[in-house]
PDB file of N, CA and C in Angstrom:
ATOM      1  N   MET A   1     107.650 107.322  92.892  1.00  0.00           N
ATOM      2  CA  MET A   1     106.624 107.922  93.708  1.00  0.00           C
ATOM      3  C   MET A   1     106.577 107.226  95.058  1.00  0.00           C
ATOM      4  N   ASP A   2     106.491 108.017  96.101  1.00  0.00           N
ATOM      5  CA  ASP A   2     106.403 107.475  97.450  1.00  0.00           C
ATOM      6  C   ASP A   2     104.956 107.094  97.737  1.00  0.00           C
ATOM      7  N   PHE A   3     104.681 105.800  97.793  1.00  0.00           N
ATOM      8  CA  PHE A   3     103.307 105.371  98.027  1.00  0.00           C
ATOM      9  C   PHE A   3     103.054 105.060  99.496  1.00  0.00           C
ATOM     10  N   THR A   4     103.994 105.449 100.371  1.00  0.00           N
ATOM     11  CA  THR A   4     103.779 105.256 101.798  1.00  0.00           C
ATOM     12  C   THR A   4     103.062 106.446 102.421  1.00  0.00           C
ATOM     13  N   ASP A   5     103.136 107.623 101.802  1.00  0.00           N
ATOM     14  CA  ASP A   5     102.405 108.800 102.276  1.00  0.00           C
ATOM     15  C   ASP A   5     100.971 108.693 101.773  1.00  0.00           C
ATOM     16  N   ASP A   6     100.064 108.355 102.668  1.00  0.00           N
ATOM     17  CA  ASP A   6      98.691 108.030 102.288  1.00  0.00           C
ATOM     18  C   ASP A   6      98.000 109.157 101.539  1.00  0.00           C
ATOM     19  N   GLU A   7      98.106 110.369 102.031  1.00  0.00           N
ATOM     20  CA  GLU A   7      97.388 111.486 101.413  1.00  0.00           C
ATOM     21  C   GLU A   7      97.864 111.746  99.983  1.00  0.00           C
ATOM     22  N   LYS A   8      99.170 111.773  99.786  1.00  0.00           N
ATOM     23  CA  LYS A   8      99.717 112.008  98.441  1.00  0.00           C
ATOM     24  C   LYS A   8      99.386 110.850  97.502  1.00  0.00           C
ATOM     25  N   PHE A   9      99.458 109.642  98.033  1.00  0.00           N
ATOM     26  CA  PHE A   9      99.174 108.457  97.227  1.00  0.00           C
ATOM     27  C   PHE A   9      97.729 108.471  96.738  1.00  0.00           C
ATOM     28  N   VAL A  10      96.799 108.702  97.651  1.00  0.00           N
ATOM     29  CA  VAL A  10      95.373 108.732  97.299  1.00  0.00           C
ATOM     30  C   VAL A  10      95.109 109.847  96.296  1.00  0.00           C
ATOM     31  N   GLU A  11      95.719 111.005  96.519  1.00  0.00           N
ATOM     32  CA  GLU A  11      95.540 112.136  95.603  1.00  0.00           C
ATOM     33  C   GLU A  11      96.030 111.787  94.200  1.00  0.00           C
ATOM     34  N   LYS A  12      97.195 111.156  94.109  1.00  0.00           N
ATOM     35  CA  LYS A  12      97.765 110.792  92.808  1.00  0.00           C
ATOM     36  C   LYS A  12      96.897 109.747  92.106  1.00  0.00           C
ATOM     37  N   VAL A  13      96.479 108.729  92.844  1.00  0.00           N
ATOM     38  CA  VAL A  13      95.639 107.680  92.251  1.00  0.00           C
ATOM     39  C   VAL A  13      94.353 108.277  91.704  1.00  0.00           C
ATOM     40  N   ARG A  14      93.721 109.094  92.500  1.00  0.00           N
ATOM     41  CA  ARG A  14      92.432 109.662  92.084  1.00  0.00           C
ATOM     42  C   ARG A  14      92.585 110.703  90.985  1.00  0.00           C
ATOM     43  N   SER A  15      93.773 111.257  90.809  1.00  0.00           N
ATOM     44  CA  SER A  15      93.995 112.187  89.695  1.00  0.00           C
ATOM     45  C   SER A  15      94.111 111.436  88.372  1.00  0.00           C
ATOM     46  N   ILE A  16      94.438 110.141  88.453  1.00  0.00           N
ATOM     47  CA  ILE A  16      94.584 109.314  87.252  1.00  0.00           C
ATOM     48  C   ILE A  16      93.262 108.653  86.879  1.00  0.00           C
ATOM     49  N   ALA A  17      92.557 108.129  87.891  1.00  0.00           N
ATOM     50  CA  ALA A  17      91.302 107.410  87.628  1.00  0.00           C
ATOM     51  C   ALA A  17      90.446 107.404  88.887  1.00  0.00           C
ATOM     52  N   PRO A  18      89.133 107.325  88.715  1.00  0.00           N
ATOM     53  CA  PRO A  18      88.277 107.203  89.900  1.00  0.00           C
ATOM     54  C   PRO A  18      88.594 105.893  90.618  1.00  0.00           C
ATOM     55  N   ALA A  19      88.725 105.947  91.935  1.00  0.00           N
ATOM     56  CA  ALA A  19      89.085 104.744  92.683  1.00  0.00           C
ATOM     57  C   ALA A  19      88.439 104.772  94.058  1.00  0.00           C
ATOM     58  N   THR A  20      87.960 103.620  94.474  1.00  0.00           N
ATOM     59  CA  THR A  20      87.409 103.487  95.823  1.00  0.00           C
ATOM     60  C   THR A  20      88.562 103.259  96.794  1.00  0.00           C
ATOM     61  N   GLN A  21      88.268 103.335  98.077  1.00  0.00           N
ATOM     62  CA  GLN A  21      89.294 103.077  99.085  1.00  0.00           C
ATOM     63  C   GLN A  21      89.810 101.645  98.962  1.00  0.00           C
ATOM     64  N   GLN A  22      88.921 100.708  98.628  1.00  0.00           N
ATOM     65  CA  GLN A  22      89.341  99.310  98.443  1.00  0.00           C
ATOM     66  C   GLN A  22      90.286  99.192  97.244  1.00  0.00           C
ATOM     67  N   ASP A  23      89.985  99.897  96.158  1.00  0.00           N
ATOM     68  CA  ASP A  23      90.870  99.901  94.983  1.00  0.00           C
ATOM     69  C   ASP A  23      92.251 100.418  95.363  1.00  0.00           C
ATOM     70  N   ILE A  24      92.256 101.477  96.146  1.00  0.00           N
ATOM     71  CA  ILE A  24      93.518 102.108  96.543  1.00  0.00           C
ATOM     72  C   ILE A  24      94.339 101.165  97.413  1.00  0.00           C
ATOM     73  N   GLU A  25      93.698 100.473  98.335  1.00  0.00           N
ATOM     74  CA  GLU A  25      94.420  99.522  99.188  1.00  0.00           C
ATOM     75  C   GLU A  25      94.986  98.364  98.370  1.00  0.00           C
ATOM     76  N   GLN A  26      94.220  97.869  97.407  1.00  0.00           N
ATOM     77  CA  GLN A  26      94.717  96.797  96.540  1.00  0.00           C
ATOM     78  C   GLN A  26      95.892  97.282  95.700  1.00  0.00           C
ATOM     79  N   LEU A  27      95.804  98.494  95.206  1.00  0.00           N
ATOM     80  CA  LEU A  27      96.895  99.060  94.420  1.00  0.00           C
ATOM     81  C   LEU A  27      98.143  99.234  95.274  1.00  0.00           C
ATOM     82  N   ARG A  28      97.955  99.692  96.509  1.00  0.00           N
ATOM     83  CA  ARG A  28      99.094  99.867  97.421  1.00  0.00           C
ATOM     84  C   ARG A  28      99.798  98.526  97.653  1.00  0.00           C
ATOM     85  N   GLU A  29      99.028  97.464  97.880  1.00  0.00           N
ATOM     86  CA  GLU A  29      99.618  96.135  98.085  1.00  0.00           C
ATOM     87  C   GLU A  29     100.334  95.649  96.827  1.00  0.00           C
ATOM     88  N   LEU A  30      99.745  95.905  95.677  1.00  0.00           N
ATOM     89  CA  LEU A  30     100.374  95.537  94.407  1.00  0.00           C
ATOM     90  C   LEU A  30     101.712  96.253  94.241  1.00  0.00           C
ATOM     91  N   LEU A  31     101.736  97.544  94.537  1.00  0.00           N
ATOM     92  CA  LEU A  31     102.972  98.315  94.403  1.00  0.00           C
ATOM     93  C   LEU A  31     104.033  97.870  95.404  1.00  0.00           C
ATOM     94  N   LYS A  32     103.618  97.518  96.611  1.00  0.00           N
ATOM     95  CA  LYS A  32     104.575  97.002  97.593  1.00  0.00           C
ATOM     96  C   LYS A  32     105.193  95.701  97.089  1.00  0.00           C
ATOM     97  N   GLY A  33     104.354  94.809  96.561  1.00  0.00           N
ATOM     98  CA  GLY A  33     104.856  93.544  96.017  1.00  0.00           C
ATOM     99  C   GLY A  33     105.788  93.760  94.847  1.00  0.00           C
ATOM    100  N   LEU A  34     105.438  94.704  93.990  1.00  0.00           N
ATOM    101  CA  LEU A  34     106.285  95.026  92.843  1.00  0.00           C
ATOM    102  C   LEU A  34     107.629  95.569  93.304  1.00  0.00           C
ATOM    103  N   SER A  35     107.601  96.423  94.305  1.00  0.00           N
ATOM    104  CA  SER A  35     108.838  96.985  94.840  1.00  0.00           C
ATOM    105  C   SER A  35     109.733  95.897  95.429  1.00  0.00           C
ATOM    106  N   ILE A  36     109.146  94.997  96.194  1.00  0.00           N
ATOM    107  CA  ILE A  36     109.910  93.900  96.799  1.00  0.00           C
ATOM    108  C   ILE A  36     110.491  92.985  95.728  1.00  0.00           C
ATOM    109  N   SER A  37     109.681  92.616  94.737  1.00  0.00           N
ATOM    110  CA  SER A  37     110.178  91.715  93.691  1.00  0.00           C
ATOM    111  C   SER A  37     111.254  92.391  92.846  1.00  0.00           C
ATOM    112  N   THR A  38     111.140  93.691  92.635  1.00  0.00           N
ATOM    113  CA  THR A  38     112.166  94.418  91.890  1.00  0.00           C
ATOM    114  C   THR A  38     113.483  94.418  92.654  1.00  0.00           C
ATOM    115  N   GLU A  39     113.418  94.643  93.956  1.00  0.00           N
ATOM    116  CA  GLU A  39     114.626  94.608  94.783  1.00  0.00           C
ATOM    117  C   GLU A  39     115.261  93.223  94.760  1.00  0.00           C
ATOM    118  N   LEU A  40     114.446  92.178  94.837  1.00  0.00           N
ATOM    119  CA  LEU A  40     114.978  90.813  94.799  1.00  0.00           C
ATOM    120  C   LEU A  40     115.644  90.511  93.460  1.00  0.00           C
ATOM    121  N   MET A  41     115.000  90.916  92.369  1.00  0.00           N
ATOM    122  CA  MET A  41     115.589  90.699  91.042  1.00  0.00           C
ATOM    123  C   MET A  41     116.900  91.473  90.905  1.00  0.00           C
ATOM    124  N   GLU A  42     116.919  92.689  91.416  1.00  0.00           N
ATOM    125  CA  GLU A  42     118.128  93.506  91.344  1.00  0.00           C
ATOM    126  C   GLU A  42     119.280  92.840  92.097  1.00  0.00           C
ATOM    127  N   SER A  43     118.979  92.178  93.208  1.00  0.00           N
ATOM    128  CA  SER A  43     120.028  91.518  93.982  1.00  0.00           C
ATOM    129  C   SER A  43     120.564  90.276  93.270  1.00  0.00           C
ATOM    130  N   LEU A  44     119.795  89.719  92.330  1.00  0.00           N
ATOM    131  CA  LEU A  44     120.238  88.534  91.595  1.00  0.00           C
ATOM    132  C   LEU A  44     121.067  88.866  90.363  1.00  0.00           C
ATOM    133  N   ILE A  45     120.941  90.087  89.877  1.00  0.00           N
ATOM    134  CA  ILE A  45     121.624  90.485  88.649  1.00  0.00           C
ATOM    135  C   ILE A  45     122.985  91.069  88.997  1.00  0.00           C
ATOM    136  N   GLN A  46     124.019  90.535  88.367  1.00  0.00           N
ATOM    137  CA  GLN A  46     125.363  91.038  88.609  1.00  0.00           C
ATOM    138  C   GLN A  46     125.540  92.398  87.946  1.00  0.00           C
ATOM    139  N   PRO A  47     126.214  93.301  88.627  1.00  0.00           N
ATOM    140  CA  PRO A  47     126.505  94.586  87.984  1.00  0.00           C
ATOM    141  C   PRO A  47     127.598  94.395  86.930  1.00  0.00           C
ATOM    142  N   PHE A  48     127.344  94.819  85.717  1.00  0.00           N
ATOM    143  CA  PHE A  48     128.309  94.638  84.643  1.00  0.00           C
ATOM    144  C   PHE A  48     129.168  95.874  84.416  1.00  0.00           C
ATOM    145  N   GLY A  49     128.627  97.053  84.695  1.00  0.00           N
ATOM    146  CA  GLY A  49     129.399  98.271  84.496  1.00  0.00           C
ATOM    147  C   GLY A  49     129.902  98.389  83.081  1.00  0.00           C
ATOM    148  N   SER A  50     131.194  98.583  82.931  1.00  0.00           N
ATOM    149  CA  SER A  50     131.786  98.766  81.601  1.00  0.00           C
ATOM    150  C   SER A  50     132.253  97.448  80.998  1.00  0.00           C
ATOM    151  N   GLU A  51     131.920  96.315  81.608  1.00  0.00           N
ATOM    152  CA  GLU A  51     132.357  95.011  81.114  1.00  0.00           C
ATOM    153  C   GLU A  51     131.581  94.544  79.895  1.00  0.00           C
ATOM    154  N   ILE A  52     130.438  95.151  79.611  1.00  0.00           N
ATOM    155  CA  ILE A  52     129.615  94.713  78.487  1.00  0.00           C
ATOM    156  C   ILE A  52     130.208  95.228  77.185  1.00  0.00           C
ATOM    157  N   ASP A  53     130.423  94.322  76.248  1.00  0.00           N
ATOM    158  CA  ASP A  53     130.918  94.697  74.921  1.00  0.00           C
ATOM    159  C   ASP A  53     129.709  94.859  74.012  1.00  0.00           C
ATOM    160  N   PHE A  54     129.275  96.094  73.842  1.00  0.00           N
ATOM    161  CA  PHE A  54     128.062  96.362  73.073  1.00  0.00           C
ATOM    162  C   PHE A  54     128.227  96.060  71.586  1.00  0.00           C
ATOM    163  N   SER A  55     129.456  95.943  71.111  1.00  0.00           N
ATOM    164  CA  SER A  55     129.663  95.622  69.698  1.00  0.00           C
ATOM    165  C   SER A  55     129.243  94.183  69.395  1.00  0.00           C
ATOM    166  N   LYS A  56     129.145  93.344  70.408  1.00  0.00           N
ATOM    167  CA  LYS A  56     128.748  91.945  70.230  1.00  0.00           C
ATOM    168  C   LYS A  56     127.241  91.744  70.375  1.00  0.00           C
ATOM    169  N   MET A  57     126.505  92.793  70.689  1.00  0.00           N
ATOM    170  CA  MET A  57     125.074  92.661  70.950  1.00  0.00           C
ATOM    171  C   MET A  57     124.297  92.113  69.757  1.00  0.00           C
ATOM    172  N   SER A  58     124.719  92.417  68.542  1.00  0.00           N
ATOM    173  CA  SER A  58     123.977  91.943  67.374  1.00  0.00           C
ATOM    174  C   SER A  58     124.561  90.657  66.797  1.00  0.00           C
ATOM    175  N   SER A  59     125.483  90.042  67.509  1.00  0.00           N
ATOM    176  CA  SER A  59     126.076  88.794  67.028  1.00  0.00           C
ATOM    177  C   SER A  59     125.148  87.622  67.294  1.00  0.00           C
ATOM    178  N   ASN A  60     125.264  86.596  66.450  1.00  0.00           N
ATOM    179  CA  ASN A  60     124.477  85.385  66.691  1.00  0.00           C
ATOM    180  C   ASN A  60     125.235  84.487  67.666  1.00  0.00           C
ATOM    181  N   VAL A  61     124.709  83.315  67.970  1.00  0.00           N
ATOM    182  CA  VAL A  61     125.340  82.438  68.951  1.00  0.00           C
ATOM    183  C   VAL A  61     126.717  81.945  68.519  1.00  0.00           C
ATOM    184  N   ASP A  62     126.994  81.947  67.224  1.00  0.00           N
ATOM    185  CA  ASP A  62     128.304  81.527  66.738  1.00  0.00           C
ATOM    186  C   ASP A  62     129.306  82.676  66.735  1.00  0.00           C
ATOM    187  N   GLY A  63     128.860  83.877  67.139  1.00  0.00           N
ATOM    188  CA  GLY A  63     129.757  85.020  67.186  1.00  0.00           C
ATOM    189  C   GLY A  63     129.826  85.800  65.889  1.00  0.00           C
ATOM    190  N   GLU A  64     129.040  85.394  64.900  1.00  0.00           N
ATOM    191  CA  GLU A  64     129.042  86.108  63.624  1.00  0.00           C
ATOM    192  C   GLU A  64     128.144  87.326  63.737  1.00  0.00           C
ATOM    193  N   ASN A  65     128.635  88.433  63.232  1.00  0.00           N
ATOM    194  CA  ASN A  65     127.867  89.669  63.296  1.00  0.00           C
ATOM    195  C   ASN A  65     127.007  89.791  62.052  1.00  0.00           C
ATOM    196  N   ASN A  66     125.702  89.857  62.249  1.00  0.00           N
ATOM    197  CA  ASN A  66     124.777  89.960  61.127  1.00  0.00           C
ATOM    198  C   ASN A  66     124.378  91.397  60.836  1.00  0.00           C
ATOM    199  N   GLY A  67     124.939  92.349  61.548  1.00  0.00           N
ATOM    200  CA  GLY A  67     124.524  93.744  61.402  1.00  0.00           C
ATOM    201  C   GLY A  67     125.345  94.500  60.503  1.00  0.00           C
TER     202      GLY A  67
END
Protein backbone atom coordinates (compact mmCIF):
# COMPACT_ATOMS: atom_id res chain seq x y z
CA MET A 1 0.00 0.00 0.00
CA ASP A 2 1.25 3.44 -0.91
CA PHE A 3 1.19 5.42 2.32
CA THR A 4 2.60 8.57 0.73
CA ASP A 5 -0.76 9.52 -0.84
CA ASP A 6 -2.36 11.24 2.14
CA GLU A 7 -5.99 10.97 1.07
CA LYS A 8 -5.85 7.25 0.25
CA PHE A 9 -3.81 6.51 3.36
CA VAL A 10 -6.24 8.29 5.69
CA GLU A 11 -9.20 6.62 3.97
CA LYS A 12 -7.65 3.15 4.37
CA VAL A 13 -6.70 3.70 8.02
CA ARG A 14 -10.14 4.96 8.93
CA SER A 15 -11.80 2.06 7.10
CA ILE A 16 -9.95 -0.31 9.45
CA ALA A 17 -10.34 1.57 12.75
CA PRO A 18 -11.33 4.97 14.09
CA ALA A 19 -8.21 7.14 14.15
CA THR A 20 -7.37 10.73 14.96
CA GLN A 21 -5.04 12.79 12.80
CA GLN A 22 -2.34 12.29 15.45
CA ASP A 23 -2.85 8.50 15.29
CA ILE A 24 -2.53 8.63 11.52
CA GLU A 25 0.70 10.64 11.65
CA GLN A 26 2.21 8.22 14.18
CA LEU A 27 1.18 5.28 12.02
CA ARG A 28 2.71 6.94 8.94
CA GLU A 29 6.03 7.38 10.79
CA LEU A 30 5.90 3.78 11.99
CA LEU A 31 5.32 2.52 8.45
CA LYS A 32 8.16 4.67 7.09
CA GLY A 33 10.50 3.23 9.72
CA LEU A 34 9.33 -0.29 8.94
CA SER A 35 9.91 0.28 5.24
CA ILE A 36 13.43 1.62 5.83
CA SER A 37 14.38 -1.22 8.20
CA THR A 38 13.00 -3.79 5.76
CA GLU A 39 15.11 -2.34 2.95
CA LEU A 40 18.20 -2.39 5.18
CA MET A 41 17.59 -6.01 6.20
CA GLU A 42 17.05 -6.97 2.57
CA SER A 43 20.41 -5.43 1.64
CA LEU A 44 22.13 -7.58 4.31
CA ILE A 45 20.65 -10.88 3.17
CA GLN A 46 22.42 -12.63 0.33
CA PRO A 47 20.23 -13.80 -2.52
CA PHE A 48 20.32 -17.59 -2.56
CA GLY A 49 18.17 -18.31 -5.60
CA SER A 50 18.39 -21.99 -6.48
CA GLU A 51 21.44 -22.58 -4.24
CA ILE A 52 19.31 -23.67 -1.27
CA ASP A 53 19.10 -27.44 -0.84
CA PHE A 54 15.63 -27.82 0.64
CA SER A 55 16.20 -31.54 1.27
CA LYS A 56 18.59 -30.55 4.09
CA MET A 57 16.08 -28.26 5.81
CA SER A 58 14.98 -30.93 8.30
CA SER A 59 18.51 -32.11 9.08
CA ASN A 60 20.06 -31.60 12.49
CA VAL A 61 23.43 -29.90 13.02
CA ASP A 62 25.25 -33.20 12.43
CA GLY A 63 23.59 -33.55 9.02
CA GLU A 64 21.34 -36.42 10.07
CA ASN A 65 17.86 -36.27 8.65
CA ASN A 66 15.21 -36.80 11.31
CA GLY A 67 12.27 -36.54 8.91
